Amino acid sequence: MSSPVDREQYGPQARPLPYERGTDGPRVVLVGVDGSRTSLRAAAYAAGLARRQGAGLVVVFVSSPAGYASMISGVVAGAVQQTHDELAEDLRQECRRGADELGVPVTFLCRRGDAYTELCAAADETRADLVVVGSSEQAGHRLVGSVATRLVRTGRWPVVVVP
């Protein structure tokens, strides 16, 4: 079950653009960010692509609770939540600056839950024509699979994985 926690739109034409899916290039480019180096490179790539194509950019930040979150005390859980909120605010400010600099309509979505599930839901809701994500930097994902791998296997949208 997907529930948007926060949604803000910036830049010119901050409302959805009318378009027909599958025409001449992507009209809506969705990028997943989590503050990592690869996700920020993916955001830069997606912003440049959106600017060149005249497309809207949807930036999705998913706050994923750690597996041990239910076992930690309220004080520590509060600190973890505060860190996630600060990161979301930093990313929101970057979106605002980027929208002003590039002249690209940007929508910032902040979600809570599983990154793969929330990115899929956001892509469906925004009718994304292209999904851009950064490659995983965690060694375990080479064995188990990453969000990027799962998105590619889903096959519902073209997916660009930025190293």
C-alpha atoms as a PDB file:
ATOM      1  CA  MET A   1       0.000   0.000   0.000  1.00  0.00           C
ATOM      2  CA  SER A   2       1.576   3.217  -1.118  1.00  0.00           C
ATOM      3  CA  SER A   3       0.859   6.466   0.648  1.00  0.00           C
ATOM      4  CA  PRO A   4       2.590   9.693  -0.259  1.00  0.00           C
ATOM      5  CA  VAL A   5       4.091  11.352   2.779  1.00  0.00           C
ATOM      6  CA  ASP A   6       5.020  14.556   1.022  1.00  0.00           C
ATOM      7  CA  ARG A   7       4.707  16.029  -2.463  1.00  0.00           C
ATOM      8  CA  GLU A   8       6.038  19.336  -3.725  1.00  0.00           C
ATOM      9  CA  GLN A   9       6.346  20.765  -7.212  1.00  0.00           C
ATOM     10  CA  TYR A  10       8.895  23.338  -8.351  1.00  0.00           C
ATOM     11  CA  GLY A  11       9.886  25.211 -11.450  1.00  0.00           C
ATOM     12  CA  PRO A  12       8.029  26.323 -14.536  1.00  0.00           C
ATOM     13  CA  GLN A  13       4.972  24.316 -15.427  1.00  0.00           C
ATOM     14  CA  ALA A  14       4.921  22.583 -12.048  1.00  0.00           C
ATOM     15  CA  ARG A  15       1.613  20.950 -12.945  1.00  0.00           C
ATOM     16  CA  PRO A  16       1.422  17.721 -14.943  1.00  0.00           C
ATOM     17  CA  LEU A  17       1.900  18.127 -18.674  1.00  0.00           C
ATOM     18  CA  PRO A  18      -0.644  16.649 -21.103  1.00  0.00           C
ATOM     19  CA  TYR A  19       0.988  14.011 -23.261  1.00  0.00           C
ATOM     20  CA  GLU A  20       0.477  10.759 -25.061  1.00  0.00           C
ATOM     21  CA  ARG A  21       2.497   7.856 -23.786  1.00  0.00           C
ATOM     22  CA  GLY A  22       5.037   6.510 -26.275  1.00  0.00           C
ATOM     23  CA  THR A  23       5.469   9.622 -28.402  1.00  0.00           C
ATOM     24  CA  ASP A  24       8.837  10.983 -29.490  1.00  0.00           C
ATOM     25  CA  GLY A  25      10.613  10.589 -26.135  1.00  0.00           C
ATOM     26  CA  PRO A  26       9.979  10.501 -22.440  1.00  0.00           C
ATOM     27  CA  ARG A  27       7.536  13.083 -21.122  1.00  0.00           C
ATOM     28  CA  VAL A  28       7.938  12.072 -17.467  1.00  0.00           C
ATOM     29  CA  VAL A  29      11.304  10.943 -16.106  1.00  0.00           C
ATOM     30  CA  LEU A  30      11.267   9.441 -12.608  1.00  0.00           C
ATOM     31  CA  VAL A  31      14.440   9.163 -10.557  1.00  0.00           C
ATOM     32  CA  GLY A  32      14.927   7.455  -7.208  1.00  0.00           C
ATOM     33  CA  VAL A  33      17.294   9.157  -4.768  1.00  0.00           C
ATOM     34  CA  ASP A  34      18.530   8.137  -1.346  1.00  0.00           C
ATOM     35  CA  GLY A  35      21.460  10.496  -0.815  1.00  0.00           C
ATOM     36  CA  SER A  36      24.125   8.032  -1.997  1.00  0.00           C
ATOM     37  CA  ARG A  37      26.745   9.000  -4.586  1.00  0.00           C
ATOM     38  CA  THR A  38      25.200   6.831  -7.275  1.00  0.00           C
ATOM     39  CA  SER A  39      21.678   8.123  -6.647  1.00  0.00           C
ATOM     40  CA  LEU A  40      22.880  11.724  -6.894  1.00  0.00           C
ATOM     41  CA  ARG A  41      24.625  10.893 -10.195  1.00  0.00           C
ATOM     42  CA  ALA A  42      21.360   9.296 -11.353  1.00  0.00           C
ATOM     43  CA  ALA A  43      19.490  12.474 -10.386  1.00  0.00           C
ATOM     44  CA  ALA A  44      21.939  14.610 -12.379  1.00  0.00           C
ATOM     45  CA  TYR A  45      21.589  12.308 -15.400  1.00  0.00           C
ATOM     46  CA  ALA A  46      17.774  12.340 -15.145  1.00  0.00           C
ATOM     47  CA  ALA A  47      17.673  16.146 -14.780  1.00  0.00           C
ATOM     48  CA  GLY A  48      19.843  16.612 -17.866  1.00  0.00           C
ATOM     49  CA  LEU A  49      17.728  14.153 -19.847  1.00  0.00           C
ATOM     50  CA  ALA A  50      14.494  15.841 -18.743  1.00  0.00           C
ATOM     51  CA  ARG A  51      15.871  19.250 -19.727  1.00  0.00           C
ATOM     52  CA  ARG A  52      16.980  18.054 -23.174  1.00  0.00           C
ATOM     53  CA  GLN A  53      13.719  16.205 -23.854  1.00  0.00           C
ATOM     54  CA  GLY A  54      11.446  18.918 -22.453  1.00  0.00           C
ATOM     55  CA  ALA A  55      10.087  16.376 -19.982  1.00  0.00           C
ATOM     56  CA  GLY A  56       8.904  16.667 -16.409  1.00  0.00           C
ATOM     57  CA  LEU A  57      11.132  15.261 -13.665  1.00  0.00           C
ATOM     58  CA  VAL A  58       9.782  13.337 -10.687  1.00  0.00           C
ATOM     59  CA  VAL A  59      12.277  12.853  -7.843  1.00  0.00           C
ATOM     60  CA  VAL A  60      11.330  10.131  -5.350  1.00  0.00           C
ATOM     61  CA  PHE A  61      12.993   9.770  -1.950  1.00  0.00           C
ATOM     62  CA  VAL A  62      12.000   6.595  -0.122  1.00  0.00           C
ATOM     63  CA  SER A  63      12.743   6.374   3.557  1.00  0.00           C
ATOM     64  CA  SER A  64      13.186   2.655   4.177  1.00  0.00           C
ATOM     65  CA  PRO A  65      13.098   1.558   7.799  1.00  0.00           C
ATOM     66  CA  ALA A  66      15.997  -0.722   8.662  1.00  0.00           C
ATOM     67  CA  GLY A  67      15.226  -4.336   9.503  1.00  0.00           C
ATOM     68  CA  TYR A  68      16.238  -3.773  13.109  1.00  0.00           C
ATOM     69  CA  ALA A  69      14.031  -0.679  13.529  1.00  0.00           C
ATOM     70  CA  SER A  70      11.398  -2.528  15.533  1.00  0.00           C
ATOM     71  CA  MET A  71      14.025  -3.649  18.062  1.00  0.00           C
ATOM     72  CA  ILE A  72      15.572  -0.262  18.874  1.00  0.00           C
ATOM     73  CA  SER A  73      14.487   2.073  21.640  1.00  0.00           C
ATOM     74  CA  GLY A  74      12.285   5.105  21.111  1.00  0.00           C
ATOM     75  CA  VAL A  75      15.172   7.537  21.564  1.00  0.00           C
ATOM     76  CA  VAL A  76      17.324   5.844  18.938  1.00  0.00           C
ATOM     77  CA  ALA A  77      14.348   5.403  16.602  1.00  0.00           C
ATOM     78  CA  GLY A  78      13.626   9.122  16.974  1.00  0.00           C
ATOM     79  CA  ALA A  79      17.222   9.957  16.044  1.00  0.00           C
ATOM     80  CA  VAL A  80      17.030   7.700  12.978  1.00  0.00           C
ATOM     81  CA  GLN A  81      13.760   9.348  11.923  1.00  0.00           C
ATOM     82  CA  GLN A  82      15.256  12.810  12.433  1.00  0.00           C
ATOM     83  CA  THR A  83      18.203  11.864  10.206  1.00  0.00           C
ATOM     84  CA  HIS A  84      15.825  10.668   7.474  1.00  0.00           C
ATOM     85  CA  ASP A  85      13.793  13.884   7.762  1.00  0.00           C
ATOM     86  CA  GLU A  86      16.939  16.018   7.474  1.00  0.00           C
ATOM     87  CA  LEU A  87      18.087  14.086   4.403  1.00  0.00           C
ATOM     88  CA  ALA A  88      14.646  14.501   2.811  1.00  0.00           C
ATOM     89  CA  GLU A  89      14.759  18.253   3.483  1.00  0.00           C
ATOM     90  CA  ASP A  90      18.263  18.515   1.970  1.00  0.00           C
ATOM     91  CA  LEU A  91      17.108  16.660  -1.154  1.00  0.00           C
ATOM     92  CA  ARG A  92      13.988  18.845  -1.353  1.00  0.00           C
ATOM     93  CA  GLN A  93      16.171  21.979  -1.297  1.00  0.00           C
ATOM     94  CA  GLU A  94      18.402  20.539  -4.048  1.00  0.00           C
ATOM     95  CA  CYS A  95      15.298  19.865  -6.176  1.00  0.00           C
ATOM     96  CA  ARG A  96      14.148  23.433  -5.710  1.00  0.00           C
ATOM     97  CA  ARG A  97      17.570  24.801  -6.729  1.00  0.00           C
ATOM     98  CA  GLY A  98      17.852  22.431  -9.682  1.00  0.00           C
ATOM     99  CA  ALA A  99      14.393  23.337 -10.946  1.00  0.00           C
ATOM    100  CA  ASP A 100      15.306  27.020 -10.869  1.00  0.00           C
ATOM    101  CA  GLU A 101      18.679  26.519 -12.589  1.00  0.00           C
ATOM    102  CA  LEU A 102      17.574  24.109 -15.316  1.00  0.00           C
ATOM    103  CA  GLY A 103      14.073  25.399 -15.925  1.00  0.00           C
ATOM    104  CA  VAL A 104      12.698  21.875 -15.596  1.00  0.00           C
ATOM    105  CA  PRO A 105       9.370  21.166 -13.882  1.00  0.00           C
ATOM    106  CA  VAL A 106      10.277  19.025 -10.860  1.00  0.00           C
ATOM    107  CA  THR A 107       7.988  17.130  -8.527  1.00  0.00           C
ATOM    108  CA  PHE A 108       9.511  15.869  -5.262  1.00  0.00           C
ATOM    109  CA  LEU A 109       7.866  12.851  -3.630  1.00  0.00           C
ATOM    110  CA  CYS A 110       8.855  11.625  -0.180  1.00  0.00           C
ATOM    111  CA  ARG A 111       7.647   8.104   0.620  1.00  0.00           C
ATOM    112  CA  ARG A 112       8.094   5.633   3.442  1.00  0.00           C
ATOM    113  CA  GLY A 113       8.461   1.887   2.913  1.00  0.00           C
ATOM    114  CA  ASP A 114      10.250  -0.575   0.665  1.00  0.00           C
ATOM    115  CA  ALA A 115      12.220   1.273  -2.028  1.00  0.00           C
ATOM    116  CA  TYR A 116      11.268  -1.095  -4.871  1.00  0.00           C
ATOM    117  CA  THR A 117       7.561  -1.101  -4.007  1.00  0.00           C
ATOM    118  CA  GLU A 118       7.371   2.663  -3.579  1.00  0.00           C
ATOM    119  CA  LEU A 119       9.309   3.415  -6.778  1.00  0.00           C
ATOM    120  CA  CYS A 120       6.983   1.123  -8.747  1.00  0.00           C
ATOM    121  CA  ALA A 121       3.922   2.780  -7.232  1.00  0.00           C
ATOM    122  CA  ALA A 122       5.285   6.272  -7.933  1.00  0.00           C
ATOM    123  CA  ALA A 123       6.141   5.329 -11.533  1.00  0.00           C
ATOM    124  CA  ASP A 124       2.611   4.022 -12.080  1.00  0.00           C
ATOM    125  CA  GLU A 125       0.961   7.030 -10.403  1.00  0.00           C
ATOM    126  CA  THR A 126       2.963   9.592 -12.374  1.00  0.00           C
ATOM    127  CA  ARG A 127       2.768   7.559 -15.594  1.00  0.00           C
ATOM    128  CA  ALA A 128       6.546   7.668 -15.888  1.00  0.00           C
ATOM    129  CA  ASP A 129       7.996   6.942 -19.301  1.00  0.00           C
ATOM    130  CA  LEU A 130      11.474   6.271 -17.920  1.00  0.00           C
ATOM    131  CA  VAL A 131      12.873   5.284 -14.515  1.00  0.00           C
ATOM    132  CA  VAL A 132      16.436   6.233 -13.557  1.00  0.00           C
ATOM    133  CA  VAL A 133      18.214   4.797 -10.515  1.00  0.00           C
ATOM    134  CA  GLY A 134      21.773   4.536  -9.282  1.00  0.00           C
ATOM    135  CA  SER A 135      23.495   1.192  -9.021  1.00  0.00           C
ATOM    136  CA  SER A 136      23.810  -0.303  -5.569  1.00  0.00           C
ATOM    137  CA  GLU A 137      27.081   0.186  -3.717  1.00  0.00           C
ATOM    138  CA  GLN A 138      26.410  -2.666  -1.265  1.00  0.00           C
ATOM    139  CA  ALA A 139      28.301  -5.892  -1.874  1.00  0.00           C
ATOM    140  CA  GLY A 140      25.411  -8.123  -0.779  1.00  0.00           C
ATOM    141  CA  HIS A 141      23.194  -6.828  -3.553  1.00  0.00           C
ATOM    142  CA  ARG A 142      25.379  -8.534  -6.128  1.00  0.00           C
ATOM    143  CA  LEU A 143      24.209 -11.867  -4.700  1.00  0.00           C
ATOM    144  CA  VAL A 144      20.644 -11.094  -3.595  1.00  0.00           C
ATOM    145  CA  GLY A 145      19.684  -8.395  -6.103  1.00  0.00           C
ATOM    146  CA  SER A 146      19.255  -4.668  -5.869  1.00  0.00           C
ATOM    147  CA  VAL A 147      16.373  -2.276  -6.381  1.00  0.00           C
ATOM    148  CA  ALA A 148      17.771  -1.504  -9.838  1.00  0.00           C
ATOM    149  CA  THR A 149      17.857  -5.186 -10.808  1.00  0.00           C
ATOM    150  CA  ARG A 150      14.314  -5.706  -9.563  1.00  0.00           C
ATOM    151  CA  LEU A 151      13.071  -2.672 -11.546  1.00  0.00           C
ATOM    152  CA  VAL A 152      14.723  -3.938 -14.727  1.00  0.00           C
ATOM    153  CA  ARG A 153      13.195  -7.393 -14.242  1.00  0.00           C
ATOM    154  CA  THR A 154       9.744  -5.889 -13.723  1.00  0.00           C
ATOM    155  CA  GLY A 155       9.829  -4.709 -17.354  1.00  0.00           C
ATOM    156  CA  ARG A 156       7.056  -2.120 -17.080  1.00  0.00           C
ATOM    157  CA  TRP A 157       9.225   0.896 -17.925  1.00  0.00           C
ATOM    158  CA  PRO A 158      12.572   1.500 -19.549  1.00  0.00           C
ATOM    159  CA  VAL A 159      15.101   1.632 -16.696  1.00  0.00           C
ATOM    160  CA  VAL A 160      18.472   3.392 -16.785  1.00  0.00           C
ATOM    161  CA  VAL A 161      20.938   2.297 -14.100  1.00  0.00           C
ATOM    162  CA  VAL A 162      23.640   4.901 -13.515  1.00  0.00           C
ATOM    163  CA  PRO A 163      26.932   3.587 -12.072  1.00  0.00           C
END
